[in-house]
Amino acid sequence: MSINFNGLKVMVIDDSKTIRRTAETLLQKAGCEVVTAVDGFDALAKIADNNPNIIFVDIMMPRLDGYQTCALIKNNPDYAQTPVIMLSSKDGLFDKARGRIVGSDEYLTKPFSKDELFETIQQYQ
């Protein structure tokens, strides 16, 4: 089954170069246009320029963490409808609940599989 997300703009915010590169490679192969950011500040500067269709954000990041970044995105009327998926290496109920409070739409535990990544995108396309 070949997945095609042609023209879909996806933003990946993660301080891990490995995660950014892995996600970018998988998504580009599926036809996505990928924008990466190293942290929340970097992401907020790029969101307005790129207007992504879906945003993946790591929770544990320096300066501005994933919860703060998600809250800032969701509090902006221009991006409140943009799906924000939290990424975390912790599969905790507390983290998921806290993600929901700040407005995240979904929660993926790292390391995520290609299938999990694509299924999540399909849900919010």
PDB file of N, CA and C in Angstrom:
ATOM      1  N   MET A   1       0.841  -1.176   0.000  1.00  0.00           N
ATOM      2  CA  MET A   1       0.000   0.000   0.000  1.00  0.00           C
ATOM      3  C   MET A   1       0.892   1.248   0.000  1.00  0.00           C
ATOM      4  N   SER A   2       0.725   2.033  -1.036  1.00  0.00           N
ATOM      5  CA  SER A   2       1.580   3.202  -1.121  1.00  0.00           C
ATOM      6  C   SER A   2       0.813   4.420  -0.615  1.00  0.00           C
ATOM      7  N   ILE A   3       1.465   5.144   0.247  1.00  0.00           N
ATOM      8  CA  ILE A   3       0.831   6.311   0.858  1.00  0.00           C
ATOM      9  C   ILE A   3       1.280   7.542   0.092  1.00  0.00           C
ATOM     10  N   ASN A   4       0.328   8.411  -0.190  1.00  0.00           N
ATOM     11  CA  ASN A   4       0.696   9.611  -0.906  1.00  0.00           C
ATOM     12  C   ASN A   4       0.090  10.831  -0.227  1.00  0.00           C
ATOM     13  N   PHE A   5       0.962  11.668   0.283  1.00  0.00           N
ATOM     14  CA  PHE A   5       0.518  12.897   0.938  1.00  0.00           C
ATOM     15  C   PHE A   5       0.973  14.097   0.116  1.00  0.00           C
ATOM     16  N   ASN A   6       0.908  13.983  -1.216  1.00  0.00           N
ATOM     17  CA  ASN A   6       1.421  15.050  -2.065  1.00  0.00           C
ATOM     18  C   ASN A   6       0.921  16.424  -1.674  1.00  0.00           C
ATOM     19  N   GLY A   7       1.876  17.334  -1.507  1.00  0.00           N
ATOM     20  CA  GLY A   7       1.519  18.715  -1.240  1.00  0.00           C
ATOM     21  C   GLY A   7       1.183  19.030   0.203  1.00  0.00           C
ATOM     22  N   LEU A   8       1.163  18.004   1.067  1.00  0.00           N
ATOM     23  CA  LEU A   8       0.847  18.250   2.472  1.00  0.00           C
ATOM     24  C   LEU A   8       2.075  18.856   3.155  1.00  0.00           C
ATOM     25  N   LYS A   9       1.867  19.961   3.855  1.00  0.00           N
ATOM     26  CA  LYS A   9       2.977  20.604   4.559  1.00  0.00           C
ATOM     27  C   LYS A   9       3.008  20.143   6.003  1.00  0.00           C
ATOM     28  N   VAL A  10       4.118  19.541   6.384  1.00  0.00           N
ATOM     29  CA  VAL A  10       4.258  19.010   7.736  1.00  0.00           C
ATOM     30  C   VAL A  10       5.436  19.691   8.423  1.00  0.00           C
ATOM     31  N   MET A  11       5.200  20.136   9.658  1.00  0.00           N
ATOM     32  CA  MET A  11       6.304  20.707  10.427  1.00  0.00           C
ATOM     33  C   MET A  11       6.706  19.730  11.522  1.00  0.00           C
ATOM     34  N   VAL A  12       8.012  19.527  11.680  1.00  0.00           N
ATOM     35  CA  VAL A  12       8.547  18.653  12.727  1.00  0.00           C
ATOM     36  C   VAL A  12       9.448  19.508  13.620  1.00  0.00           C
ATOM     37  N   ILE A  13       9.040  19.627  14.887  1.00  0.00           N
ATOM     38  CA  ILE A  13       9.804  20.428  15.846  1.00  0.00           C
ATOM     39  C   ILE A  13      10.423  19.470  16.859  1.00  0.00           C
ATOM     40  N   ASP A  14      11.734  19.362  16.828  1.00  0.00           N
ATOM     41  CA  ASP A  14      12.410  18.455  17.753  1.00  0.00           C
ATOM     42  C   ASP A  14      13.853  18.897  17.886  1.00  0.00           C
ATOM     43  N   ASP A  15      14.393  18.872  19.100  1.00  0.00           N
ATOM     44  CA  ASP A  15      15.786  19.270  19.272  1.00  0.00           C
ATOM     45  C   ASP A  15      16.747  18.147  18.880  1.00  0.00           C
ATOM     46  N   SER A  16      16.201  16.967  18.585  1.00  0.00           N
ATOM     47  CA  SER A  16      17.050  15.855  18.154  1.00  0.00           C
ATOM     48  C   SER A  16      17.169  15.859  16.631  1.00  0.00           C
ATOM     49  N   LYS A  17      18.392  15.997  16.167  1.00  0.00           N
ATOM     50  CA  LYS A  17      18.653  16.018  14.728  1.00  0.00           C
ATOM     51  C   LYS A  17      18.236  14.688  14.098  1.00  0.00           C
ATOM     52  N   THR A  18      18.453  13.599  14.841  1.00  0.00           N
ATOM     53  CA  THR A  18      18.102  12.269  14.343  1.00  0.00           C
ATOM     54  C   THR A  18      16.604  12.156  14.091  1.00  0.00           C
ATOM     55  N   ILE A  19      15.799  12.589  15.055  1.00  0.00           N
ATOM     56  CA  ILE A  19      14.340  12.523  14.902  1.00  0.00           C
ATOM     57  C   ILE A  19      13.903  13.407  13.730  1.00  0.00           C
ATOM     58  N   ARG A  20      14.442  14.622  13.669  1.00  0.00           N
ATOM     59  CA  ARG A  20      14.071  15.529  12.574  1.00  0.00           C
ATOM     60  C   ARG A  20      14.394  14.908  11.229  1.00  0.00           C
ATOM     61  N   ARG A  21      15.597  14.359  11.121  1.00  0.00           N
ATOM     62  CA  ARG A  21      16.032  13.806   9.839  1.00  0.00           C
ATOM     63  C   ARG A  21      15.220  12.564   9.465  1.00  0.00           C
ATOM     64  N   THR A  22      14.958  11.694  10.439  1.00  0.00           N
ATOM     65  CA  THR A  22      14.177  10.481  10.188  1.00  0.00           C
ATOM     66  C   THR A  22      12.774  10.835   9.713  1.00  0.00           C
ATOM     67  N   ALA A  23      12.121  11.713  10.460  1.00  0.00           N
ATOM     68  CA  ALA A  23      10.755  12.113  10.102  1.00  0.00           C
ATOM     69  C   ALA A  23      10.744  12.797   8.736  1.00  0.00           C
ATOM     70  N   GLU A  24      11.713  13.657   8.496  1.00  0.00           N
ATOM     71  CA  GLU A  24      11.774  14.387   7.235  1.00  0.00           C
ATOM     72  C   GLU A  24      11.912  13.422   6.059  1.00  0.00           C
ATOM     73  N   THR A  25      12.801  12.451   6.204  1.00  0.00           N
ATOM     74  CA  THR A  25      13.016  11.466   5.135  1.00  0.00           C
ATOM     75  C   THR A  25      11.750  10.678   4.852  1.00  0.00           C
ATOM     76  N   LEU A  26      11.117  10.149   5.894  1.00  0.00           N
ATOM     77  CA  LEU A  26       9.880   9.361   5.721  1.00  0.00           C
ATOM     78  C   LEU A  26       8.790  10.191   5.067  1.00  0.00           C
ATOM     79  N   LEU A  27       8.627  11.422   5.542  1.00  0.00           N
ATOM     80  CA  LEU A  27       7.546  12.278   5.058  1.00  0.00           C
ATOM     81  C   LEU A  27       7.789  12.738   3.627  1.00  0.00           C
ATOM     82  N   GLN A  28       9.031  13.055   3.312  1.00  0.00           N
ATOM     83  CA  GLN A  28       9.326  13.491   1.940  1.00  0.00           C
ATOM     84  C   GLN A  28       9.092  12.360   0.941  1.00  0.00           C
ATOM     85  N   LYS A  29       9.434  11.142   1.335  1.00  0.00           N
ATOM     86  CA  LYS A  29       9.199   9.988   0.453  1.00  0.00           C
ATOM     87  C   LYS A  29       7.713   9.806   0.174  1.00  0.00           C
ATOM     88  N   ALA A  30       6.866  10.242   1.117  1.00  0.00           N
ATOM     89  CA  ALA A  30       5.419  10.109   0.966  1.00  0.00           C
ATOM     90  C   ALA A  30       4.810  11.336   0.276  1.00  0.00           C
ATOM     91  N   GLY A  31       5.672  12.244  -0.159  1.00  0.00           N
ATOM     92  CA  GLY A  31       5.191  13.390  -0.926  1.00  0.00           C
ATOM     93  C   GLY A  31       4.950  14.657  -0.133  1.00  0.00           C
ATOM     94  N   CYS A  32       5.295  14.638   1.157  1.00  0.00           N
ATOM     95  CA  CYS A  32       5.068  15.831   1.987  1.00  0.00           C
ATOM     96  C   CYS A  32       6.144  16.886   1.749  1.00  0.00           C
ATOM     97  N   GLU A  33       5.745  18.104   1.984  1.00  0.00           N
ATOM     98  CA  GLU A  33       6.707  19.188   2.054  1.00  0.00           C
ATOM     99  C   GLU A  33       7.006  19.310   3.544  1.00  0.00           C
ATOM    100  N   VAL A  34       8.272  19.229   3.933  1.00  0.00           N
ATOM    101  CA  VAL A  34       8.609  19.184   5.353  1.00  0.00           C
ATOM    102  C   VAL A  34       9.382  20.429   5.784  1.00  0.00           C
ATOM    103  N   VAL A  35       8.949  20.993   6.890  1.00  0.00           N
ATOM    104  CA  VAL A  35       9.646  22.120   7.496  1.00  0.00           C
ATOM    105  C   VAL A  35      10.090  21.633   8.868  1.00  0.00           C
ATOM    106  N   THR A  36      11.362  21.811   9.194  1.00  0.00           N
ATOM    107  CA  THR A  36      11.823  21.369  10.513  1.00  0.00           C
ATOM    108  C   THR A  36      12.224  22.583  11.347  1.00  0.00           C
ATOM    109  N   ALA A  37      12.123  22.406  12.656  1.00  0.00           N
ATOM    110  CA  ALA A  37      12.528  23.446  13.592  1.00  0.00           C
ATOM    111  C   ALA A  37      13.200  22.770  14.778  1.00  0.00           C
ATOM    112  N   VAL A  38      14.188  23.459  15.367  1.00  0.00           N
ATOM    113  CA  VAL A  38      14.957  22.853  16.454  1.00  0.00           C
ATOM    114  C   VAL A  38      14.333  23.074  17.826  1.00  0.00           C
ATOM    115  N   ASP A  39      13.483  24.094  17.941  1.00  0.00           N
ATOM    116  CA  ASP A  39      12.779  24.317  19.202  1.00  0.00           C
ATOM    117  C   ASP A  39      11.559  25.196  18.959  1.00  0.00           C
ATOM    118  N   GLY A  40      10.848  25.493  20.033  1.00  0.00           N
ATOM    119  CA  GLY A  40       9.610  26.249  19.915  1.00  0.00           C
ATOM    120  C   GLY A  40       9.784  27.630  19.307  1.00  0.00           C
ATOM    121  N   PHE A  41      10.848  28.335  19.695  1.00  0.00           N
ATOM    122  CA  PHE A  41      11.059  29.680  19.157  1.00  0.00           C
ATOM    123  C   PHE A  41      11.306  29.615  17.648  1.00  0.00           C
ATOM    124  N   ASP A  42      12.138  28.672  17.264  1.00  0.00           N
ATOM    125  CA  ASP A  42      12.453  28.465  15.855  1.00  0.00           C
ATOM    126  C   ASP A  42      11.154  28.146  15.089  1.00  0.00           C
ATOM    127  N   ALA A  43      10.327  27.288  15.690  1.00  0.00           N
ATOM    128  CA  ALA A  43       9.073  26.871  15.055  1.00  0.00           C
ATOM    129  C   ALA A  43       8.114  28.037  14.881  1.00  0.00           C
ATOM    130  N   LEU A  44       7.946  28.832  15.932  1.00  0.00           N
ATOM    131  CA  LEU A  44       6.992  29.933  15.867  1.00  0.00           C
ATOM    132  C   LEU A  44       7.376  30.923  14.773  1.00  0.00           C
ATOM    133  N   ALA A  45       8.668  31.110  14.582  1.00  0.00           N
ATOM    134  CA  ALA A  45       9.122  32.001  13.522  1.00  0.00           C
ATOM    135  C   ALA A  45       8.798  31.419  12.139  1.00  0.00           C
ATOM    136  N   LYS A  46       8.839  30.087  12.031  1.00  0.00           N
ATOM    137  CA  LYS A  46       8.642  29.441  10.722  1.00  0.00           C
ATOM    138  C   LYS A  46       7.170  29.148  10.391  1.00  0.00           C
ATOM    139  N   ILE A  47       6.316  29.047  11.405  1.00  0.00           N
ATOM    140  CA  ILE A  47       4.918  28.685  11.159  1.00  0.00           C
ATOM    141  C   ILE A  47       4.230  29.712  10.263  1.00  0.00           C
ATOM    142  N   ALA A  48       4.420  30.984  10.567  1.00  0.00           N
ATOM    143  CA  ALA A  48       3.771  32.033   9.788  1.00  0.00           C
ATOM    144  C   ALA A  48       4.240  32.022   8.330  1.00  0.00           C
ATOM    145  N   ASP A  49       5.513  31.735   8.127  1.00  0.00           N
ATOM    146  CA  ASP A  49       6.058  31.714   6.760  1.00  0.00           C
ATOM    147  C   ASP A  49       5.596  30.500   5.977  1.00  0.00           C
ATOM    148  N   ASN A  50       5.403  29.373   6.656  1.00  0.00           N
ATOM    149  CA  ASN A  50       5.151  28.115   5.948  1.00  0.00           C
ATOM    150  C   ASN A  50       3.718  27.601   6.031  1.00  0.00           C
ATOM    151  N   ASN A  51       2.976  28.058   7.041  1.00  0.00           N
ATOM    152  CA  ASN A  51       1.589  27.654   7.194  1.00  0.00           C
ATOM    153  C   ASN A  51       1.394  26.137   7.065  1.00  0.00           C
ATOM    154  N   PRO A  52       1.988  25.341   7.968  1.00  0.00           N
ATOM    155  CA  PRO A  52       1.903  23.873   7.846  1.00  0.00           C
ATOM    156  C   PRO A  52       0.477  23.350   8.056  1.00  0.00           C
ATOM    157  N   ASN A  53       0.181  22.192   7.441  1.00  0.00           N
ATOM    158  CA  ASN A  53      -1.127  21.545   7.595  1.00  0.00           C
ATOM    159  C   ASN A  53      -1.207  20.744   8.888  1.00  0.00           C
ATOM    160  N   ILE A  54      -0.041  20.281   9.361  1.00  0.00           N
ATOM    161  CA  ILE A  54       0.006  19.472  10.574  1.00  0.00           C
ATOM    162  C   ILE A  54       1.372  19.701  11.224  1.00  0.00           C
ATOM    163  N   ILE A  55       1.388  19.713  12.556  1.00  0.00           N
ATOM    164  CA  ILE A  55       2.635  20.010  13.277  1.00  0.00           C
ATOM    165  C   ILE A  55       2.924  18.906  14.290  1.00  0.00           C
ATOM    166  N   PHE A  56       4.145  18.381  14.244  1.00  0.00           N
ATOM    167  CA  PHE A  56       4.620  17.411  15.238  1.00  0.00           C
ATOM    168  C   PHE A  56       5.587  18.155  16.145  1.00  0.00           C
ATOM    169  N   VAL A  57       5.356  18.076  17.460  1.00  0.00           N
ATOM    170  CA  VAL A  57       6.234  18.809  18.376  1.00  0.00           C
ATOM    171  C   VAL A  57       6.704  17.909  19.516  1.00  0.00           C
ATOM    172  N   ASP A  58       8.013  17.908  19.723  1.00  0.00           N
ATOM    173  CA  ASP A  58       8.613  17.154  20.822  1.00  0.00           C
ATOM    174  C   ASP A  58       8.286  17.871  22.133  1.00  0.00           C
ATOM    175  N   ILE A  59       8.094  17.119  23.197  1.00  0.00           N
ATOM    176  CA  ILE A  59       7.768  17.747  24.484  1.00  0.00           C
ATOM    177  C   ILE A  59       9.018  18.308  25.157  1.00  0.00           C
ATOM    178  N   MET A  60      10.053  17.486  25.246  1.00  0.00           N
ATOM    179  CA  MET A  60      11.253  17.901  25.973  1.00  0.00           C
ATOM    180  C   MET A  60      12.212  18.659  25.057  1.00  0.00           C
ATOM    181  N   MET A  61      12.156  19.988  25.135  1.00  0.00           N
ATOM    182  CA  MET A  61      13.066  20.815  24.334  1.00  0.00           C
ATOM    183  C   MET A  61      13.561  21.967  25.195  1.00  0.00           C
ATOM    184  N   PRO A  62      14.754  22.464  24.884  1.00  0.00           N
ATOM    185  CA  PRO A  62      15.267  23.614  25.646  1.00  0.00           C
ATOM    186  C   PRO A  62      14.478  24.884  25.297  1.00  0.00           C
ATOM    187  N   ARG A  63      14.607  25.878  26.120  1.00  0.00           N
ATOM    188  CA  ARG A  63      14.003  27.210  25.942  1.00  0.00           C
ATOM    189  C   ARG A  63      12.478  27.192  26.016  1.00  0.00           C
ATOM    190  N   LEU A  64      11.826  26.599  25.020  1.00  0.00           N
ATOM    191  CA  LEU A  64      10.367  26.581  24.998  1.00  0.00           C
ATOM    192  C   LEU A  64       9.971  25.128  24.778  1.00  0.00           C
ATOM    193  N   ASP A  65       9.344  24.491  25.776  1.00  0.00           N
ATOM    194  CA  ASP A  65       9.049  23.065  25.609  1.00  0.00           C
ATOM    195  C   ASP A  65       7.821  22.845  24.725  1.00  0.00           C
ATOM    196  N   GLY A  66       7.509  21.591  24.480  1.00  0.00           N
ATOM    197  CA  GLY A  66       6.424  21.248  23.575  1.00  0.00           C
ATOM    198  C   GLY A  66       5.060  21.714  24.047  1.00  0.00           C
ATOM    199  N   TYR A  67       4.854  21.690  25.366  1.00  0.00           N
ATOM    200  CA  TYR A  67       3.568  22.139  25.906  1.00  0.00           C
ATOM    201  C   TYR A  67       3.379  23.633  25.653  1.00  0.00           C
ATOM    202  N   GLN A  68       4.431  24.405  25.941  1.00  0.00           N
ATOM    203  CA  GLN A  68       4.363  25.855  25.738  1.00  0.00           C
ATOM    204  C   GLN A  68       4.197  26.175  24.255  1.00  0.00           C
ATOM    205  N   THR A  69       4.931  25.455  23.423  1.00  0.00           N
ATOM    206  CA  THR A  69       4.859  25.685  21.979  1.00  0.00           C
ATOM    207  C   THR A  69       3.455  25.393  21.464  1.00  0.00           C
ATOM    208  N   CYS A  70       2.894  24.254  21.889  1.00  0.00           N
ATOM    209  CA  CYS A  70       1.551  23.867  21.467  1.00  0.00           C
ATOM    210  C   CYS A  70       0.528  24.914  21.911  1.00  0.00           C
ATOM    211  N   ALA A  71       0.639  25.359  23.168  1.00  0.00           N
ATOM    212  CA  ALA A  71      -0.302  26.354  23.697  1.00  0.00           C
ATOM    213  C   ALA A  71      -0.232  27.644  22.881  1.00  0.00           C
ATOM    214  N   LEU A  72       0.969  28.069  22.529  1.00  0.00           N
ATOM    215  CA  LEU A  72       1.128  29.291  21.743  1.00  0.00           C
ATOM    216  C   LEU A  72       0.524  29.142  20.346  1.00  0.00           C
ATOM    217  N   ILE A  73       0.705  27.975  19.742  1.00  0.00           N
ATOM    218  CA  ILE A  73       0.135  27.719  18.410  1.00  0.00           C
ATOM    219  C   ILE A  73      -1.393  27.739  18.503  1.00  0.00           C
ATOM    220  N   LYS A  74      -1.925  27.008  19.467  1.00  0.00           N
ATOM    221  CA  LYS A  74      -3.385  26.870  19.600  1.00  0.00           C
ATOM    222  C   LYS A  74      -4.068  28.171  20.037  1.00  0.00           C
ATOM    223  N   ASN A  75      -3.329  29.056  20.706  1.00  0.00           N
ATOM    224  CA  ASN A  75      -3.903  30.330  21.133  1.00  0.00           C
ATOM    225  C   ASN A  75      -3.919  31.376  20.021  1.00  0.00           C
ATOM    226  N   ASN A  76      -3.281  31.047  18.903  1.00  0.00           N
ATOM    227  CA  ASN A  76      -3.290  31.957  17.764  1.00  0.00           C
ATOM    228  C   ASN A  76      -4.463  31.574  16.865  1.00  0.00           C
ATOM    229  N   PRO A  77      -5.427  32.477  16.674  1.00  0.00           N
ATOM    230  CA  PRO A  77      -6.628  32.137  15.887  1.00  0.00           C
ATOM    231  C   PRO A  77      -6.310  31.624  14.481  1.00  0.00           C
ATOM    232  N   ASP A  78      -5.190  32.062  13.909  1.00  0.00           N
ATOM    233  CA  ASP A  78      -4.826  31.613  12.557  1.00  0.00           C
ATOM    234  C   ASP A  78      -4.451  30.139  12.529  1.00  0.00           C
ATOM    235  N   TYR A  79      -3.967  29.609  13.658  1.00  0.00           N
ATOM    236  CA  TYR A  79      -3.450  28.228  13.687  1.00  0.00           C
ATOM    237  C   TYR A  79      -4.175  27.326  14.666  1.00  0.00           C
ATOM    238  N   ALA A  80      -5.227  27.841  15.291  1.00  0.00           N
ATOM    239  CA  ALA A  80      -5.945  27.060  16.304  1.00  0.00           C
ATOM    240  C   ALA A  80      -6.503  25.756  15.733  1.00  0.00           C
ATOM    241  N   GLN A  81      -6.820  25.746  14.439  1.00  0.00           N
ATOM    242  CA  GLN A  81      -7.384  24.545  13.808  1.00  0.00           C
ATOM    243  C   GLN A  81      -6.308  23.597  13.278  1.00  0.00           C
ATOM    244  N   THR A  82      -5.054  24.017  13.303  1.00  0.00           N
ATOM    245  CA  THR A  82      -3.963  23.169  12.800  1.00  0.00           C
ATOM    246  C   THR A  82      -3.718  22.032  13.791  1.00  0.00           C
ATOM    247  N   PRO A  83      -3.773  20.778  13.333  1.00  0.00           N
ATOM    248  CA  PRO A  83      -3.505  19.664  14.258  1.00  0.00           C
ATOM    249  C   PRO A  83      -2.077  19.709  14.788  1.00  0.00           C
ATOM    250  N   VAL A  84      -1.946  19.562  16.094  1.00  0.00           N
ATOM    251  CA  VAL A  84      -0.629  19.522  16.730  1.00  0.00           C
ATOM    252  C   VAL A  84      -0.496  18.167  17.411  1.00  0.00           C
ATOM    253  N   ILE A  85       0.532  17.421  17.019  1.00  0.00           N
ATOM    254  CA  ILE A  85       0.791  16.085  17.558  1.00  0.00           C
ATOM    255  C   ILE A  85       2.007  16.163  18.469  1.00  0.00           C
ATOM    256  N   MET A  86       1.839  15.779  19.733  1.00  0.00           N
ATOM    257  CA  MET A  86       2.956  15.791  20.676  1.00  0.00           C
ATOM    258  C   MET A  86       3.810  14.538  20.481  1.00  0.00           C
ATOM    259  N   LEU A  87       5.121  14.706  20.589  1.00  0.00           N
ATOM    260  CA  LEU A  87       6.052  13.577  20.511  1.00  0.00           C
ATOM    261  C   LEU A  87       6.772  13.477  21.844  1.00  0.00           C
ATOM    262  N   SER A  88       6.802  12.277  22.417  1.00  0.00           N
ATOM    263  CA  SER A  88       7.525  12.128  23.673  1.00  0.00           C
ATOM    264  C   SER A  88       8.099  10.736  23.820  1.00  0.00           C
ATOM    265  N   SER A  89       9.224  10.661  24.503  1.00  0.00           N
ATOM    266  CA  SER A  89       9.812   9.344  24.769  1.00  0.00           C
ATOM    267  C   SER A  89       9.148   8.735  25.996  1.00  0.00           C
ATOM    268  N   LYS A  90       8.310   9.525  26.682  1.00  0.00           N
ATOM    269  CA  LYS A  90       7.591   9.002  27.844  1.00  0.00           C
ATOM    270  C   LYS A  90       6.155   8.692  27.436  1.00  0.00           C
ATOM    271  N   ASP A  91       5.703   7.500  27.759  1.00  0.00           N
ATOM    272  CA  ASP A  91       4.336   7.129  27.406  1.00  0.00           C
ATOM    273  C   ASP A  91       3.460   7.249  28.645  1.00  0.00           C
ATOM    274  N   GLY A  92       3.420   8.449  29.215  1.00  0.00           N
ATOM    275  CA  GLY A  92       2.714   8.607  30.482  1.00  0.00           C
ATOM    276  C   GLY A  92       1.350   9.234  30.342  1.00  0.00           C
ATOM    277  N   LEU A  93       0.440   8.804  31.193  1.00  0.00           N
ATOM    278  CA  LEU A  93      -0.906   9.381  31.204  1.00  0.00           C
ATOM    279  C   LEU A  93      -0.862  10.862  31.530  1.00  0.00           C
ATOM    280  N   PHE A  94       0.025  11.224  32.446  1.00  0.00           N
ATOM    281  CA  PHE A  94       0.133  12.621  32.840  1.00  0.00           C
ATOM    282  C   PHE A  94       0.529  13.480  31.633  1.00  0.00           C
ATOM    283  N   ASP A  95       1.512  12.993  30.878  1.00  0.00           N
ATOM    284  CA  ASP A  95       1.977  13.746  29.705  1.00  0.00           C
ATOM    285  C   ASP A  95       0.866  13.884  28.670  1.00  0.00           C
ATOM    286  N   LYS A  96       0.126  12.798  28.462  1.00  0.00           N
ATOM    287  CA  LYS A  96      -0.968  12.836  27.485  1.00  0.00           C
ATOM    288  C   LYS A  96      -2.039  13.817  27.938  1.00  0.00           C
ATOM    289  N   ALA A  97      -2.371  13.763  29.231  1.00  0.00           N
ATOM    290  CA  ALA A  97      -3.389  14.663  29.766  1.00  0.00           C
ATOM    291  C   ALA A  97      -2.938  16.115  29.654  1.00  0.00           C
ATOM    292  N   ARG A  98      -1.692  16.344  29.992  1.00  0.00           N
ATOM    293  CA  ARG A  98      -1.167  17.713  29.928  1.00  0.00           C
ATOM    294  C   ARG A  98      -1.143  18.205  28.475  1.00  0.00           C
ATOM    295  N   GLY A  99      -0.847  17.284  27.555  1.00  0.00           N
ATOM    296  CA  GLY A  99      -0.868  17.629  26.135  1.00  0.00           C
ATOM    297  C   GLY A  99      -2.258  18.045  25.687  1.00  0.00           C
ATOM    298  N   ARG A 100      -3.261  17.318  26.164  1.00  0.00           N
ATOM    299  CA  ARG A 100      -4.661  17.643  25.831  1.00  0.00           C
ATOM    300  C   ARG A 100      -5.049  19.022  26.371  1.00  0.00           C
ATOM    301  N   ILE A 101      -4.578  19.316  27.591  1.00  0.00           N
ATOM    302  CA  ILE A 101      -4.903  20.597  28.226  1.00  0.00           C
ATOM    303  C   ILE A 101      -4.403  21.765  27.384  1.00  0.00           C
ATOM    304  N   VAL A 102      -3.211  21.637  26.818  1.00  0.00           N
ATOM    305  CA  VAL A 102      -2.676  22.744  26.014  1.00  0.00           C
ATOM    306  C   VAL A 102      -3.187  22.705  24.572  1.00  0.00           C
ATOM    307  N   GLY A 103      -4.028  21.709  24.275  1.00  0.00           N
ATOM    308  CA  GLY A 103      -4.684  21.708  22.969  1.00  0.00           C
ATOM    309  C   GLY A 103      -4.139  20.748  21.936  1.00  0.00           C
ATOM    310  N   SER A 104      -3.224  19.842  22.342  1.00  0.00           N
ATOM    311  CA  SER A 104      -2.693  18.913  21.337  1.00  0.00           C
ATOM    312  C   SER A 104      -3.800  17.968  20.868  1.00  0.00           C
ATOM    313  N   ASP A 105      -3.685  17.538  19.633  1.00  0.00           N
ATOM    314  CA  ASP A 105      -4.717  16.690  19.039  1.00  0.00           C
ATOM    315  C   ASP A 105      -4.406  15.214  19.191  1.00  0.00           C
ATOM    316  N   GLU A 106      -3.140  14.892  19.342  1.00  0.00           N
ATOM    317  CA  GLU A 106      -2.724  13.487  19.377  1.00  0.00           C
ATOM    318  C   GLU A 106      -1.382  13.419  20.086  1.00  0.00           C
ATOM    319  N   TYR A 107      -0.966  12.191  20.429  1.00  0.00           N
ATOM    320  CA  TYR A 107       0.257  11.985  21.186  1.00  0.00           C
ATOM    321  C   TYR A 107       0.942  10.754  20.612  1.00  0.00           C
ATOM    322  N   LEU A 108       2.170  10.892  20.168  1.00  0.00           N
ATOM    323  CA  LEU A 108       2.932   9.746  19.662  1.00  0.00           C
ATOM    324  C   LEU A 108       4.124   9.504  20.579  1.00  0.00           C
ATOM    325  N   THR A 109       4.355   8.254  20.916  1.00  0.00           N
ATOM    326  CA  THR A 109       5.503   7.922  21.749  1.00  0.00           C
ATOM    327  C   THR A 109       6.695   7.604  20.849  1.00  0.00           C
ATOM    328  N   LYS A 110       7.851   8.198  21.190  1.00  0.00           N
ATOM    329  CA  LYS A 110       9.074   7.914  20.432  1.00  0.00           C
ATOM    330  C   LYS A 110       9.715   6.650  21.005  1.00  0.00           C
ATOM    331  N   PRO A 111      10.373   5.852  20.217  1.00  0.00           N
ATOM    332  CA  PRO A 111      10.460   5.993  18.757  1.00  0.00           C
ATOM    333  C   PRO A 111       9.163   5.530  18.092  1.00  0.00           C
ATOM    334  N   PHE A 112       8.681   6.314  17.164  1.00  0.00           N
ATOM    335  CA  PHE A 112       7.449   5.950  16.464  1.00  0.00           C
ATOM    336  C   PHE A 112       7.803   5.239  15.162  1.00  0.00           C
ATOM    337  N   SER A 113       6.889   4.426  14.693  1.00  0.00           N
ATOM    338  CA  SER A 113       7.127   3.717  13.437  1.00  0.00           C
ATOM    339  C   SER A 113       6.599   4.557  12.283  1.00  0.00           C
ATOM    340  N   LYS A 114       7.026   4.207  11.099  1.00  0.00           N
ATOM    341  CA  LYS A 114       6.543   4.872   9.892  1.00  0.00           C
ATOM    342  C   LYS A 114       5.020   4.759   9.810  1.00  0.00           C
ATOM    343  N   ASP A 115       4.501   3.569  10.138  1.00  0.00           N
ATOM    344  CA  ASP A 115       3.051   3.349  10.090  1.00  0.00           C
ATOM    345  C   ASP A 115       2.310   4.261  11.059  1.00  0.00           C
ATOM    346  N   GLU A 116       2.845   4.378  12.277  1.00  0.00           N
ATOM    347  CA  GLU A 116       2.203   5.249  13.276  1.00  0.00           C
ATOM    348  C   GLU A 116       2.185   6.694  12.794  1.00  0.00           C
ATOM    349  N   LEU A 117       3.299   7.115  12.224  1.00  0.00           N
ATOM    350  CA  LEU A 117       3.419   8.485  11.724  1.00  0.00           C
ATOM    351  C   LEU A 117       2.386   8.738  10.627  1.00  0.00           C
ATOM    352  N   PHE A 118       2.307   7.814   9.665  1.00  0.00           N
ATOM    353  CA  PHE A 118       1.390   7.979   8.533  1.00  0.00           C
ATOM    354  C   PHE A 118      -0.072   7.870   8.946  1.00  0.00           C
ATOM    355  N   GLU A 119      -0.355   6.949   9.873  1.00  0.00           N
ATOM    356  CA  GLU A 119      -1.742   6.793  10.350  1.00  0.00           C
ATOM    357  C   GLU A 119      -2.207   8.073  11.023  1.00  0.00           C
ATOM    358  N   THR A 120      -1.318   8.672  11.798  1.00  0.00           N
ATOM    359  CA  THR A 120      -1.659   9.913  12.489  1.00  0.00           C
ATOM    360  C   THR A 120      -1.950  11.017  11.478  1.00  0.00           C
ATOM    361  N   ILE A 121      -1.109  11.126  10.454  1.00  0.00           N
ATOM    362  CA  ILE A 121      -1.329  12.158   9.432  1.00  0.00           C
ATOM    363  C   ILE A 121      -2.650  11.915   8.716  1.00  0.00           C
ATOM    364  N   GLN A 122      -2.945  10.655   8.398  1.00  0.00           N
ATOM    365  CA  GLN A 122      -4.190  10.348   7.687  1.00  0.00           C
ATOM    366  C   GLN A 122      -5.406  10.761   8.505  1.00  0.00           C
ATOM    367  N   GLN A 123      -5.328  10.617   9.827  1.00  0.00           N
ATOM    368  CA  GLN A 123      -6.447  11.002  10.698  1.00  0.00           C
ATOM    369  C   GLN A 123      -6.761  12.480  10.600  1.00  0.00           C
ATOM    370  N   TYR A 124      -5.725  13.285  10.353  1.00  0.00           N
ATOM    371  CA  TYR A 124      -5.902  14.739  10.435  1.00  0.00           C
ATOM    372  C   TYR A 124      -5.803  15.433   9.081  1.00  0.00           C
ATOM    373  N   GLN A 125      -5.734  14.658   8.023  1.00  0.00           N
ATOM    374  CA  GLN A 125      -5.565  15.243   6.707  1.00  0.00           C
ATOM    375  C   GLN A 125      -6.797  16.009   6.272  1.00  0.00           C
TER     376      GLN A 125
END
